[in-house]
Amino acid sequence: MPTYIVLLGPPGAGKGTQAKVLSATLGLPHISSGDIFRENLKNGTELGKLAQTYMNKGELVPDDVTISMIRERFERPDCEAGAILDGFPRTPTQADALEAMLSDFNGQVNLVPFISAPAEVLIERLAGRWTCRAFGHIFHEKFNPPQQDGICDLDGSELYQRDDDKAETVTHRIQVYLNQTTPLIEYYRARGVLVEINGFQPIEQVTEQLMQSLRA
């Protein structure tokens, strides 16, 4: 029976970090909806071209196109034992579509960890991020500062702050995420698979809490 985990958490909660740890520990691929979109657009797949037609018009890509991209990813050999989903589903309607699809793979969503932290902590984590222009290496003015201000330690390129990492944008991103995701959190809570994880702890403790929830 494959294992499917849906990771939820606002920007800055450490979801991406924990997804990588879980993936390595459990031997399951970390599937980010953003990565799938970029892969299909870059490779010019039929689904990528279809998604592009909506994006060019400034419209949201329909759920059935997104689900088709995820289905194609699930059909690859590395997903035989399951997968860790990040960024999808975003709504109860998408969650219903995911459940219907997973039944074709003889599976279901087994666990939904919701990693949360106070808004002020999320803002501090995100608003201090600086990215290198050459390869996208990420630094943080408080938690992981570069040796030389404004210069990437790894390749010497300039560090800059992305628009979506600026304090006012970050605050808006967090609020939008919480508004959008609250119905999904309740959806999975009602199904008894939601586990709330305190993302304000050190990374290792968050990982331990996640692993305990998997063993429960």
N, C-alpha and C. Protein backbone atom coordinates (compact mmCIF):
# COMPACT_ATOMS: atom_id res chain seq x y z
N MET A 1 0.85 -1.20 0.00
CA MET A 1 0.00 0.00 0.00
C MET A 1 0.89 1.25 0.00
N PRO A 2 0.82 2.10 -1.03
CA PRO A 2 1.68 3.29 -1.08
C PRO A 2 1.32 4.30 0.01
N THR A 3 2.28 5.14 0.35
CA THR A 3 2.09 6.18 1.37
C THR A 3 2.08 7.55 0.70
N TYR A 4 1.00 8.30 0.90
CA TYR A 4 0.91 9.65 0.34
C TYR A 4 0.77 10.65 1.48
N ILE A 5 1.69 11.61 1.50
CA ILE A 5 1.70 12.64 2.54
C ILE A 5 1.50 13.99 1.88
N VAL A 6 0.58 14.79 2.41
CA VAL A 6 0.36 16.16 1.92
C VAL A 6 0.91 17.11 2.98
N LEU A 7 1.94 17.87 2.62
CA LEU A 7 2.54 18.83 3.56
C LEU A 7 1.87 20.20 3.41
N LEU A 8 1.39 20.72 4.53
CA LEU A 8 0.79 22.06 4.53
C LEU A 8 1.60 22.97 5.45
N GLY A 9 1.62 24.24 5.12
CA GLY A 9 2.32 25.20 5.98
C GLY A 9 2.49 26.51 5.25
N PRO A 10 2.36 27.64 5.97
CA PRO A 10 2.51 28.94 5.33
C PRO A 10 3.95 29.19 4.89
N PRO A 11 4.17 30.19 4.04
CA PRO A 11 5.54 30.54 3.65
C PRO A 11 6.39 30.82 4.88
N GLY A 12 7.59 30.25 4.93
CA GLY A 12 8.49 30.49 6.05
C GLY A 12 8.37 29.49 7.19
N ALA A 13 7.42 28.55 7.08
CA ALA A 13 7.22 27.58 8.17
C ALA A 13 8.26 26.46 8.15
N GLY A 14 9.01 26.35 7.05
CA GLY A 14 10.03 25.31 6.96
C GLY A 14 9.56 24.06 6.25
N LYS A 15 8.48 24.20 5.49
CA LYS A 15 7.87 23.06 4.79
C LYS A 15 8.84 22.42 3.80
N GLY A 16 9.53 23.25 3.01
CA GLY A 16 10.45 22.73 2.01
C GLY A 16 11.60 21.96 2.64
N THR A 17 12.13 22.50 3.74
CA THR A 17 13.22 21.83 4.46
C THR A 17 12.78 20.47 4.96
N GLN A 18 11.60 20.42 5.58
CA GLN A 18 11.11 19.16 6.13
C GLN A 18 10.75 18.17 5.03
N ALA A 19 10.28 18.67 3.90
CA ALA A 19 9.96 17.79 2.77
C ALA A 19 11.20 17.03 2.30
N LYS A 20 12.33 17.75 2.25
CA LYS A 20 13.59 17.11 1.82
C LYS A 20 14.02 16.04 2.83
N VAL A 21 13.89 16.35 4.13
CA VAL A 21 14.27 15.39 5.17
C VAL A 21 13.38 14.15 5.11
N LEU A 22 12.07 14.38 5.00
CA LEU A 22 11.13 13.25 4.92
C LEU A 22 11.40 12.40 3.69
N SER A 23 11.67 13.07 2.58
CA SER A 23 11.94 12.36 1.33
C SER A 23 13.14 11.43 1.48
N ALA A 24 14.21 11.95 2.08
CA ALA A 24 15.43 11.16 2.27
C ALA A 24 15.21 10.02 3.26
N THR A 25 14.46 10.31 4.33
CA THR A 25 14.24 9.32 5.39
C THR A 25 13.32 8.19 4.93
N LEU A 26 12.25 8.56 4.23
CA LEU A 26 11.23 7.58 3.85
C LEU A 26 11.45 6.98 2.46
N GLY A 27 12.38 7.59 1.70
CA GLY A 27 12.61 7.09 0.34
C GLY A 27 11.46 7.39 -0.60
N LEU A 28 10.74 8.47 -0.33
CA LEU A 28 9.62 8.88 -1.18
C LEU A 28 9.97 10.18 -1.90
N PRO A 29 9.59 10.33 -3.16
CA PRO A 29 9.91 11.58 -3.86
C PRO A 29 9.14 12.77 -3.31
N HIS A 30 9.81 13.92 -3.25
CA HIS A 30 9.17 15.17 -2.85
C HIS A 30 8.64 15.82 -4.12
N ILE A 31 7.33 15.92 -4.23
CA ILE A 31 6.72 16.45 -5.45
C ILE A 31 6.13 17.83 -5.16
N SER A 32 6.78 18.85 -5.71
CA SER A 32 6.31 20.22 -5.56
C SER A 32 5.49 20.60 -6.79
N SER A 33 4.29 21.13 -6.55
CA SER A 33 3.44 21.49 -7.69
C SER A 33 4.12 22.56 -8.55
N GLY A 34 4.87 23.47 -7.91
CA GLY A 34 5.60 24.49 -8.66
C GLY A 34 6.64 23.88 -9.58
N ASP A 35 7.37 22.88 -9.08
CA ASP A 35 8.39 22.20 -9.88
C ASP A 35 7.76 21.49 -11.08
N ILE A 36 6.60 20.85 -10.85
CA ILE A 36 5.92 20.13 -11.94
C ILE A 36 5.50 21.11 -13.03
N PHE A 37 4.97 22.26 -12.61
CA PHE A 37 4.58 23.27 -13.60
C PHE A 37 5.78 23.72 -14.42
N ARG A 38 6.86 24.06 -13.71
CA ARG A 38 8.06 24.55 -14.41
C ARG A 38 8.61 23.49 -15.37
N GLU A 39 8.60 22.23 -14.94
CA GLU A 39 9.11 21.15 -15.78
C GLU A 39 8.29 21.01 -17.07
N ASN A 40 6.96 21.05 -16.92
CA ASN A 40 6.09 20.90 -18.09
C ASN A 40 6.21 22.10 -19.03
N LEU A 41 6.35 23.30 -18.47
CA LEU A 41 6.49 24.50 -19.30
C LEU A 41 7.83 24.48 -20.03
N LYS A 42 8.88 24.13 -19.28
CA LYS A 42 10.23 24.11 -19.85
C LYS A 42 10.34 23.08 -20.97
N ASN A 43 9.75 21.90 -20.76
CA ASN A 43 9.87 20.82 -21.74
C ASN A 43 8.85 20.91 -22.86
N GLY A 44 7.95 21.90 -22.75
CA GLY A 44 6.95 22.09 -23.81
C GLY A 44 6.03 20.91 -24.00
N THR A 45 5.66 20.23 -22.89
CA THR A 45 4.75 19.08 -23.00
C THR A 45 3.37 19.58 -23.42
N GLU A 46 2.51 18.65 -23.83
CA GLU A 46 1.15 19.04 -24.21
C GLU A 46 0.44 19.72 -23.04
N LEU A 47 0.62 19.17 -21.83
CA LEU A 47 -0.01 19.78 -20.66
C LEU A 47 0.60 21.15 -20.36
N GLY A 48 1.92 21.26 -20.58
CA GLY A 48 2.59 22.54 -20.37
C GLY A 48 2.06 23.60 -21.33
N LYS A 49 1.88 23.21 -22.59
CA LYS A 49 1.35 24.15 -23.60
C LYS A 49 -0.07 24.57 -23.25
N LEU A 50 -0.86 23.58 -22.77
CA LEU A 50 -2.24 23.88 -22.39
C LEU A 50 -2.27 24.85 -21.21
N ALA A 51 -1.43 24.59 -20.21
CA ALA A 51 -1.36 25.48 -19.05
C ALA A 51 -0.94 26.89 -19.47
N GLN A 52 0.01 26.97 -20.42
CA GLN A 52 0.51 28.26 -20.88
C GLN A 52 -0.59 29.11 -21.50
N THR A 53 -1.53 28.47 -22.19
CA THR A 53 -2.62 29.25 -22.82
C THR A 53 -3.45 29.99 -21.78
N TYR A 54 -3.66 29.36 -20.63
CA TYR A 54 -4.40 30.02 -19.55
C TYR A 54 -3.55 31.11 -18.90
N MET A 55 -2.27 30.79 -18.66
CA MET A 55 -1.38 31.74 -18.01
C MET A 55 -1.19 32.99 -18.86
N ASN A 56 -1.13 32.80 -20.18
CA ASN A 56 -0.96 33.94 -21.09
C ASN A 56 -2.14 34.90 -21.03
N LYS A 57 -3.31 34.35 -20.66
CA LYS A 57 -4.52 35.18 -20.55
C LYS A 57 -4.71 35.71 -19.13
N GLY A 58 -3.72 35.38 -18.25
CA GLY A 58 -3.81 35.83 -16.87
C GLY A 58 -4.83 35.06 -16.05
N GLU A 59 -5.19 33.86 -16.53
CA GLU A 59 -6.19 33.04 -15.84
C GLU A 59 -5.51 31.93 -15.04
N LEU A 60 -6.22 31.43 -14.03
CA LEU A 60 -5.71 30.29 -13.26
C LEU A 60 -5.77 29.03 -14.11
N VAL A 61 -4.76 28.19 -13.98
CA VAL A 61 -4.76 26.92 -14.70
C VAL A 61 -5.83 26.03 -14.06
N PRO A 62 -6.76 25.48 -14.86
CA PRO A 62 -7.84 24.66 -14.29
C PRO A 62 -7.32 23.44 -13.52
N ASP A 63 -8.10 23.03 -12.53
CA ASP A 63 -7.70 21.91 -11.68
C ASP A 63 -7.41 20.65 -12.48
N ASP A 64 -8.20 20.39 -13.53
CA ASP A 64 -8.02 19.12 -14.25
C ASP A 64 -6.66 19.08 -14.97
N VAL A 65 -6.15 20.24 -15.39
CA VAL A 65 -4.83 20.28 -16.03
C VAL A 65 -3.74 20.00 -14.99
N THR A 66 -3.87 20.63 -13.81
CA THR A 66 -2.91 20.40 -12.73
C THR A 66 -2.92 18.94 -12.30
N ILE A 67 -4.11 18.39 -12.12
CA ILE A 67 -4.25 16.99 -11.71
C ILE A 67 -3.61 16.06 -12.75
N SER A 68 -3.77 16.38 -14.02
CA SER A 68 -3.17 15.55 -15.08
C SER A 68 -1.65 15.57 -14.99
N MET A 69 -1.09 16.74 -14.67
CA MET A 69 0.37 16.85 -14.51
C MET A 69 0.83 15.98 -13.33
N ILE A 70 0.07 16.03 -12.23
CA ILE A 70 0.44 15.26 -11.05
C ILE A 70 0.27 13.76 -11.31
N ARG A 71 -0.79 13.40 -12.03
CA ARG A 71 -1.00 11.99 -12.39
C ARG A 71 0.19 11.46 -13.19
N GLU A 72 0.64 12.24 -14.16
CA GLU A 72 1.78 11.82 -14.98
C GLU A 72 3.02 11.61 -14.11
N ARG A 73 3.18 12.50 -13.11
CA ARG A 73 4.34 12.36 -12.21
C ARG A 73 4.22 11.11 -11.35
N PHE A 74 3.01 10.82 -10.88
CA PHE A 74 2.78 9.63 -10.05
C PHE A 74 3.00 8.33 -10.82
N GLU A 75 2.89 8.40 -12.14
CA GLU A 75 3.04 7.19 -12.95
C GLU A 75 4.50 6.79 -13.15
N ARG A 76 5.43 7.66 -12.73
CA ARG A 76 6.85 7.34 -12.88
C ARG A 76 7.28 6.33 -11.80
N PRO A 77 8.29 5.51 -12.12
CA PRO A 77 8.68 4.41 -11.22
C PRO A 77 9.04 4.83 -9.80
N ASP A 78 9.61 6.05 -9.62
CA ASP A 78 10.04 6.43 -8.27
C ASP A 78 8.87 6.70 -7.32
N CYS A 79 7.64 6.75 -7.87
CA CYS A 79 6.46 7.01 -7.03
C CYS A 79 5.72 5.71 -6.66
N GLU A 80 6.33 4.59 -6.96
CA GLU A 80 5.64 3.31 -6.73
C GLU A 80 5.24 3.13 -5.26
N ALA A 81 6.08 3.61 -4.34
CA ALA A 81 5.80 3.45 -2.90
C ALA A 81 5.03 4.64 -2.32
N GLY A 82 4.74 5.64 -3.15
CA GLY A 82 4.02 6.82 -2.69
C GLY A 82 4.79 8.10 -2.97
N ALA A 83 4.40 9.18 -2.31
CA ALA A 83 5.02 10.48 -2.57
C ALA A 83 4.68 11.47 -1.47
N ILE A 84 5.48 12.55 -1.41
CA ILE A 84 5.22 13.66 -0.50
C ILE A 84 4.81 14.85 -1.36
N LEU A 85 3.60 15.32 -1.17
CA LEU A 85 3.07 16.42 -1.99
C LEU A 85 3.23 17.75 -1.28
N ASP A 86 3.66 18.75 -2.04
CA ASP A 86 3.93 20.07 -1.49
C ASP A 86 3.36 21.10 -2.47
N GLY A 87 2.38 21.90 -2.02
CA GLY A 87 1.80 22.92 -2.89
C GLY A 87 0.52 22.49 -3.58
N PHE A 88 0.14 21.25 -3.39
CA PHE A 88 -1.11 20.73 -3.95
C PHE A 88 -1.59 19.63 -3.03
N PRO A 89 -2.88 19.56 -2.71
CA PRO A 89 -3.96 20.46 -3.13
C PRO A 89 -3.95 21.77 -2.34
N ARG A 90 -4.68 22.75 -2.90
CA ARG A 90 -4.80 24.05 -2.22
C ARG A 90 -6.24 24.32 -1.76
N THR A 91 -7.19 23.55 -2.29
CA THR A 91 -8.60 23.74 -1.95
C THR A 91 -9.26 22.38 -1.71
N PRO A 92 -10.40 22.33 -1.00
CA PRO A 92 -11.11 21.07 -0.82
C PRO A 92 -11.50 20.41 -2.16
N THR A 93 -11.82 21.22 -3.16
CA THR A 93 -12.17 20.67 -4.48
C THR A 93 -10.98 19.92 -5.06
N GLN A 94 -9.78 20.51 -4.95
CA GLN A 94 -8.57 19.83 -5.43
C GLN A 94 -8.28 18.59 -4.59
N ALA A 95 -8.58 18.65 -3.29
CA ALA A 95 -8.36 17.50 -2.41
C ALA A 95 -9.27 16.34 -2.82
N ASP A 96 -10.52 16.65 -3.19
CA ASP A 96 -11.44 15.60 -3.67
C ASP A 96 -10.90 14.97 -4.95
N ALA A 97 -10.39 15.81 -5.85
CA ALA A 97 -9.85 15.31 -7.13
C ALA A 97 -8.62 14.44 -6.87
N LEU A 98 -7.80 14.84 -5.90
CA LEU A 98 -6.61 14.06 -5.55
C LEU A 98 -7.01 12.69 -5.01
N GLU A 99 -7.98 12.66 -4.12
CA GLU A 99 -8.44 11.38 -3.56
C GLU A 99 -8.95 10.45 -4.65
N ALA A 100 -9.71 11.01 -5.59
CA ALA A 100 -10.24 10.20 -6.69
C ALA A 100 -9.10 9.62 -7.52
N MET A 101 -8.07 10.43 -7.76
CA MET A 101 -6.94 9.97 -8.55
C MET A 101 -6.14 8.91 -7.80
N LEU A 102 -5.91 9.13 -6.50
CA LEU A 102 -5.10 8.19 -5.73
C LEU A 102 -5.74 6.81 -5.65
N SER A 103 -7.06 6.76 -5.75
CA SER A 103 -7.71 5.44 -5.72
C SER A 103 -7.28 4.61 -6.92
N ASP A 104 -6.91 5.26 -8.02
CA ASP A 104 -6.41 4.54 -9.21
C ASP A 104 -5.03 3.94 -8.94
N PHE A 105 -4.33 4.49 -7.94
CA PHE A 105 -3.00 3.98 -7.58
C PHE A 105 -3.07 3.12 -6.31
N ASN A 106 -4.30 2.71 -5.96
CA ASN A 106 -4.54 1.90 -4.76
C ASN A 106 -4.02 2.59 -3.49
N GLY A 107 -4.20 3.90 -3.44
CA GLY A 107 -3.73 4.64 -2.28
C GLY A 107 -4.71 5.71 -1.85
N GLN A 108 -4.34 6.41 -0.80
CA GLN A 108 -5.10 7.54 -0.28
C GLN A 108 -4.14 8.42 0.50
N VAL A 109 -4.59 9.63 0.86
CA VAL A 109 -3.76 10.51 1.68
C VAL A 109 -3.72 9.93 3.09
N ASN A 110 -2.53 9.52 3.51
CA ASN A 110 -2.36 8.88 4.82
C ASN A 110 -2.16 9.88 5.95
N LEU A 111 -1.47 10.99 5.64
CA LEU A 111 -1.11 11.95 6.69
C LEU A 111 -0.98 13.34 6.10
N VAL A 112 -1.46 14.34 6.86
CA VAL A 112 -1.35 15.74 6.42
C VAL A 112 -0.74 16.54 7.57
N PRO A 113 0.59 16.65 7.61
CA PRO A 113 1.22 17.50 8.62
C PRO A 113 1.02 18.97 8.26
N PHE A 114 0.51 19.74 9.22
CA PHE A 114 0.36 21.19 9.03
C PHE A 114 1.38 21.88 9.93
N ILE A 115 2.45 22.38 9.30
CA ILE A 115 3.54 23.02 10.04
C ILE A 115 3.21 24.52 10.16
N SER A 116 3.08 24.98 11.39
CA SER A 116 2.70 26.39 11.59
C SER A 116 3.67 27.08 12.52
N ALA A 117 3.64 28.40 12.49
CA ALA A 117 4.47 29.23 13.38
C ALA A 117 3.80 30.59 13.46
N PRO A 118 4.05 31.36 14.53
CA PRO A 118 3.44 32.69 14.65
C PRO A 118 3.82 33.58 13.46
N ALA A 119 2.90 34.45 13.08
CA ALA A 119 3.11 35.31 11.90
C ALA A 119 4.40 36.11 12.00
N GLU A 120 4.71 36.63 13.21
CA GLU A 120 5.92 37.46 13.34
C GLU A 120 7.19 36.65 13.09
N VAL A 121 7.15 35.37 13.43
CA VAL A 121 8.30 34.49 13.18
C VAL A 121 8.44 34.24 11.67
N LEU A 122 7.33 33.99 11.01
CA LEU A 122 7.35 33.75 9.56
C LEU A 122 7.88 34.97 8.83
N ILE A 123 7.44 36.15 9.26
CA ILE A 123 7.88 37.40 8.61
C ILE A 123 9.38 37.58 8.80
N GLU A 124 9.87 37.33 10.02
CA GLU A 124 11.31 37.48 10.30
C GLU A 124 12.13 36.52 9.43
N ARG A 125 11.65 35.28 9.31
CA ARG A 125 12.38 34.28 8.52
C ARG A 125 12.44 34.66 7.04
N LEU A 126 11.31 35.14 6.50
CA LEU A 126 11.24 35.41 5.06
C LEU A 126 11.81 36.77 4.69
N ALA A 127 11.51 37.77 5.51
CA ALA A 127 11.92 39.14 5.13
C ALA A 127 13.42 39.33 5.24
N GLY A 128 14.15 38.39 5.87
CA GLY A 128 15.60 38.52 5.97
C GLY A 128 16.34 37.74 4.90
N ARG A 129 15.58 37.16 3.95
CA ARG A 129 16.22 36.31 2.93
C ARG A 129 16.82 37.13 1.79
N TRP A 130 18.03 36.74 1.38
CA TRP A 130 18.70 37.37 0.24
C TRP A 130 19.15 36.25 -0.70
N THR A 131 18.99 36.48 -1.99
CA THR A 131 19.25 35.45 -3.00
C THR A 131 20.37 35.89 -3.92
N CYS A 132 21.23 34.94 -4.31
CA CYS A 132 22.32 35.32 -5.22
C CYS A 132 21.83 35.31 -6.66
N ARG A 133 22.31 36.27 -7.43
CA ARG A 133 21.82 36.45 -8.80
C ARG A 133 22.26 35.33 -9.73
N ALA A 134 23.41 34.72 -9.47
CA ALA A 134 23.96 33.74 -10.41
C ALA A 134 23.23 32.40 -10.34
N PHE A 135 23.13 31.83 -9.12
CA PHE A 135 22.59 30.46 -9.00
C PHE A 135 21.46 30.33 -7.99
N GLY A 136 21.00 31.45 -7.43
CA GLY A 136 19.86 31.37 -6.52
C GLY A 136 20.16 30.85 -5.14
N HIS A 137 21.46 30.85 -4.74
CA HIS A 137 21.79 30.44 -3.37
C HIS A 137 21.12 31.41 -2.39
N ILE A 138 20.60 30.87 -1.28
CA ILE A 138 19.85 31.71 -0.35
C ILE A 138 20.62 31.93 0.95
N PHE A 139 20.65 33.18 1.37
CA PHE A 139 21.26 33.57 2.65
C PHE A 139 20.21 34.28 3.49
N HIS A 140 20.52 34.45 4.77
CA HIS A 140 19.60 35.15 5.66
C HIS A 140 20.41 36.08 6.55
N GLU A 141 19.95 37.32 6.63
CA GLU A 141 20.75 38.32 7.35
C GLU A 141 20.92 37.98 8.83
N LYS A 142 20.03 37.15 9.38
CA LYS A 142 20.16 36.77 10.78
C LYS A 142 20.60 35.31 10.96
N PHE A 143 19.97 34.39 10.23
CA PHE A 143 20.20 32.96 10.47
C PHE A 143 21.33 32.35 9.63
N ASN A 144 21.63 32.98 8.49
CA ASN A 144 22.69 32.44 7.63
C ASN A 144 23.32 33.57 6.83
N PRO A 145 23.98 34.52 7.53
CA PRO A 145 24.50 35.70 6.82
C PRO A 145 25.72 35.35 5.96
N PRO A 146 25.90 36.07 4.84
CA PRO A 146 27.09 35.85 4.03
C PRO A 146 28.33 36.39 4.75
N GLN A 147 29.49 35.90 4.39
CA GLN A 147 30.73 36.37 5.04
C GLN A 147 30.97 37.84 4.72
N GLN A 148 30.58 38.22 3.50
CA GLN A 148 30.73 39.63 3.09
C GLN A 148 29.36 40.15 2.68
N ASP A 149 28.95 41.27 3.27
CA ASP A 149 27.62 41.82 2.97
C ASP A 149 27.39 41.95 1.47
N GLY A 150 26.25 41.45 1.02
CA GLY A 150 25.85 41.63 -0.37
C GLY A 150 26.53 40.75 -1.38
N ILE A 151 27.40 39.81 -0.91
CA ILE A 151 28.14 38.95 -1.84
C ILE A 151 27.90 37.47 -1.48
N CYS A 152 27.61 36.66 -2.49
CA CYS A 152 27.40 35.23 -2.28
C CYS A 152 28.72 34.54 -1.93
N ASP A 153 28.71 33.77 -0.83
CA ASP A 153 29.91 33.04 -0.41
C ASP A 153 30.34 32.01 -1.45
N LEU A 154 29.37 31.47 -2.20
CA LEU A 154 29.65 30.31 -3.05
C LEU A 154 30.13 30.67 -4.45
N ASP A 155 29.63 31.78 -4.99
CA ASP A 155 30.05 32.11 -6.36
C ASP A 155 30.44 33.57 -6.56
N GLY A 156 30.37 34.37 -5.49
CA GLY A 156 30.84 35.75 -5.57
C GLY A 156 29.89 36.71 -6.27
N SER A 157 28.69 36.23 -6.62
CA SER A 157 27.76 37.13 -7.30
C SER A 157 27.01 38.00 -6.29
N GLU A 158 26.32 39.01 -6.82
CA GLU A 158 25.60 39.96 -5.97
C GLU A 158 24.39 39.27 -5.32
N LEU A 159 24.12 39.63 -4.05
CA LEU A 159 22.90 39.17 -3.38
C LEU A 159 21.84 40.25 -3.53
N TYR A 160 20.61 39.83 -3.77
CA TYR A 160 19.51 40.80 -3.86
C TYR A 160 18.30 40.24 -3.13
N GLN A 161 17.36 41.11 -2.77
CA GLN A 161 16.15 40.66 -2.10
C GLN A 161 15.01 40.61 -3.11
N ARG A 162 14.45 39.42 -3.27
CA ARG A 162 13.32 39.25 -4.18
C ARG A 162 12.14 40.06 -3.68
N ASP A 163 11.32 40.53 -4.62
CA ASP A 163 10.15 41.33 -4.23
C ASP A 163 9.25 40.57 -3.25
N ASP A 164 9.11 39.23 -3.48
CA ASP A 164 8.20 38.48 -2.61
C ASP A 164 8.82 38.12 -1.26
N ASP A 165 10.08 38.58 -1.03
CA ASP A 165 10.71 38.40 0.29
C ASP A 165 10.76 39.71 1.08
N LYS A 166 10.15 40.76 0.55
CA LYS A 166 10.11 42.03 1.27
C LYS A 166 8.97 42.01 2.29
N ALA A 167 9.17 42.69 3.43
CA ALA A 167 8.29 42.54 4.59
C ALA A 167 6.80 42.72 4.25
N GLU A 168 6.47 43.78 3.49
CA GLU A 168 5.05 44.02 3.22
C GLU A 168 4.45 42.92 2.33
N THR A 169 5.27 42.44 1.38
CA THR A 169 4.81 41.37 0.49
C THR A 169 4.65 40.06 1.27
N VAL A 170 5.62 39.80 2.15
CA VAL A 170 5.59 38.59 2.97
C VAL A 170 4.33 38.55 3.82
N THR A 171 4.00 39.67 4.46
CA THR A 171 2.80 39.74 5.31
C THR A 171 1.57 39.39 4.49
N HIS A 172 1.50 39.93 3.28
CA HIS A 172 0.35 39.66 2.40
C HIS A 172 0.32 38.19 1.98
N ARG A 173 1.49 37.64 1.64
CA ARG A 173 1.57 36.23 1.21
C ARG A 173 1.06 35.30 2.31
N ILE A 174 1.45 35.58 3.54
CA ILE A 174 1.04 34.72 4.67
C ILE A 174 -0.47 34.80 4.86
N GLN A 175 -1.02 36.01 4.78
CA GLN A 175 -2.46 36.18 4.98
C GLN A 175 -3.25 35.48 3.88
N VAL A 176 -2.79 35.62 2.64
CA VAL A 176 -3.46 34.96 1.51
C VAL A 176 -3.43 33.45 1.70
N TYR A 177 -2.25 32.94 2.10
CA TYR A 177 -2.12 31.49 2.30
C TYR A 177 -3.11 31.00 3.35
N LEU A 178 -3.15 31.69 4.49
CA LEU A 178 -4.03 31.25 5.58
C LEU A 178 -5.50 31.34 5.17
N ASN A 179 -5.87 32.41 4.46
CA ASN A 179 -7.26 32.54 4.00
C ASN A 179 -7.64 31.41 3.06
N GLN A 180 -6.73 31.10 2.14
CA GLN A 180 -7.00 30.06 1.13
C GLN A 180 -7.02 28.66 1.75
N THR A 181 -6.13 28.45 2.73
CA THR A 181 -5.88 27.09 3.20
C THR A 181 -6.76 26.67 4.36
N THR A 182 -7.36 27.63 5.08
CA THR A 182 -8.19 27.26 6.23
C THR A 182 -9.25 26.21 5.89
N PRO A 183 -9.99 26.33 4.77
CA PRO A 183 -10.97 25.28 4.45
C PRO A 183 -10.32 23.91 4.22
N LEU A 184 -9.10 23.91 3.65
CA LEU A 184 -8.39 22.65 3.39
C LEU A 184 -7.93 22.01 4.70
N ILE A 185 -7.49 22.84 5.63
CA ILE A 185 -7.08 22.33 6.95
C ILE A 185 -8.27 21.66 7.63
N GLU A 186 -9.43 22.31 7.55
CA GLU A 186 -10.64 21.74 8.17
C GLU A 186 -11.07 20.46 7.44
N TYR A 187 -10.89 20.44 6.13
CA TYR A 187 -11.23 19.27 5.30
C TYR A 187 -10.45 18.05 5.81
N TYR A 188 -9.14 18.21 5.97
CA TYR A 188 -8.31 17.08 6.40
C TYR A 188 -8.47 16.78 7.89
N ARG A 189 -8.75 17.82 8.68
CA ARG A 189 -9.00 17.58 10.11
C ARG A 189 -10.25 16.69 10.27
N ALA A 190 -11.28 16.98 9.49
CA ALA A 190 -12.52 16.20 9.56
C ALA A 190 -12.29 14.75 9.16
N ARG A 191 -11.28 14.50 8.35
CA ARG A 191 -10.98 13.13 7.90
C ARG A 191 -10.00 12.40 8.83
N GLY A 192 -9.56 13.12 9.86
CA GLY A 192 -8.72 12.49 10.88
C GLY A 192 -7.29 12.24 10.47
N VAL A 193 -6.82 12.95 9.42
CA VAL A 193 -5.44 12.73 8.97
C VAL A 193 -4.54 13.95 9.21
N LEU A 194 -5.12 15.05 9.72
CA LEU A 194 -4.34 16.26 9.95
C LEU A 194 -3.56 16.16 11.27
N VAL A 195 -2.28 16.51 11.21
CA VAL A 195 -1.45 16.57 12.42
C VAL A 195 -0.81 17.95 12.47
N GLU A 196 -1.05 18.68 13.54
CA GLU A 196 -0.47 20.03 13.66
C GLU A 196 0.92 19.95 14.26
N ILE A 197 1.88 20.55 13.58
CA ILE A 197 3.28 20.51 13.98
C ILE A 197 3.73 21.94 14.31
N ASN A 198 4.41 22.09 15.44
CA ASN A 198 4.92 23.41 15.85
C ASN A 198 6.20 23.73 15.07
N GLY A 199 6.09 24.60 14.08
CA GLY A 199 7.24 24.96 13.25
C GLY A 199 8.15 26.00 13.88
N PHE A 200 7.85 26.41 15.11
CA PHE A 200 8.66 27.41 15.82
C PHE A 200 9.84 26.75 16.53
N GLN A 201 9.89 25.41 16.51
CA GLN A 201 10.97 24.67 17.16
C GLN A 201 12.20 24.60 16.24
N PRO A 202 13.35 24.20 16.79
CA PRO A 202 14.50 23.93 15.92
C PRO A 202 14.16 22.86 14.88
N ILE A 203 14.82 22.93 13.74
CA ILE A 203 14.53 22.03 12.61
C ILE A 203 14.50 20.57 13.04
N GLU A 204 15.49 20.15 13.85
CA GLU A 204 15.59 18.74 14.25
C GLU A 204 14.37 18.30 15.06
N GLN A 205 13.84 19.21 15.89
CA GLN A 205 12.68 18.86 16.70
C GLN A 205 11.41 18.78 15.85
N VAL A 206 11.32 19.65 14.85
CA VAL A 206 10.19 19.58 13.92
C VAL A 206 10.22 18.24 13.20
N THR A 207 11.41 17.84 12.74
CA THR A 207 11.56 16.55 12.05
C THR A 207 11.15 15.40 12.96
N GLU A 208 11.58 15.44 14.22
CA GLU A 208 11.26 14.37 15.17
C GLU A 208 9.75 14.28 15.39
N GLN A 209 9.10 15.45 15.48
CA GLN A 209 7.65 15.46 15.66
C GLN A 209 6.95 14.88 14.44
N LEU A 210 7.47 15.20 13.27
CA LEU A 210 6.91 14.65 12.03
C LEU A 210 7.05 13.13 12.00
N MET A 211 8.23 12.64 12.34
CA MET A 211 8.47 11.20 12.33
C MET A 211 7.59 10.48 13.35
N GLN A 212 7.37 11.11 14.51
CA GLN A 212 6.49 10.52 15.52
C GLN A 212 5.06 10.40 14.99
N SER A 213 4.61 11.43 14.27
CA SER A 213 3.25 11.40 13.72
C SER A 213 3.10 10.30 12.68
N LEU A 214 4.19 10.00 11.96
CA LEU A 214 4.16 8.91 10.97
C LEU A 214 4.10 7.55 11.65
N ARG A 215 4.74 7.46 12.81
CA ARG A 215 4.77 6.16 13.52
C ARG A 215 3.48 5.92 14.28
N ALA A 216 2.72 6.98 14.53
CA ALA A 216 1.51 6.86 15.37
C ALA A 216 0.46 5.99 14.71
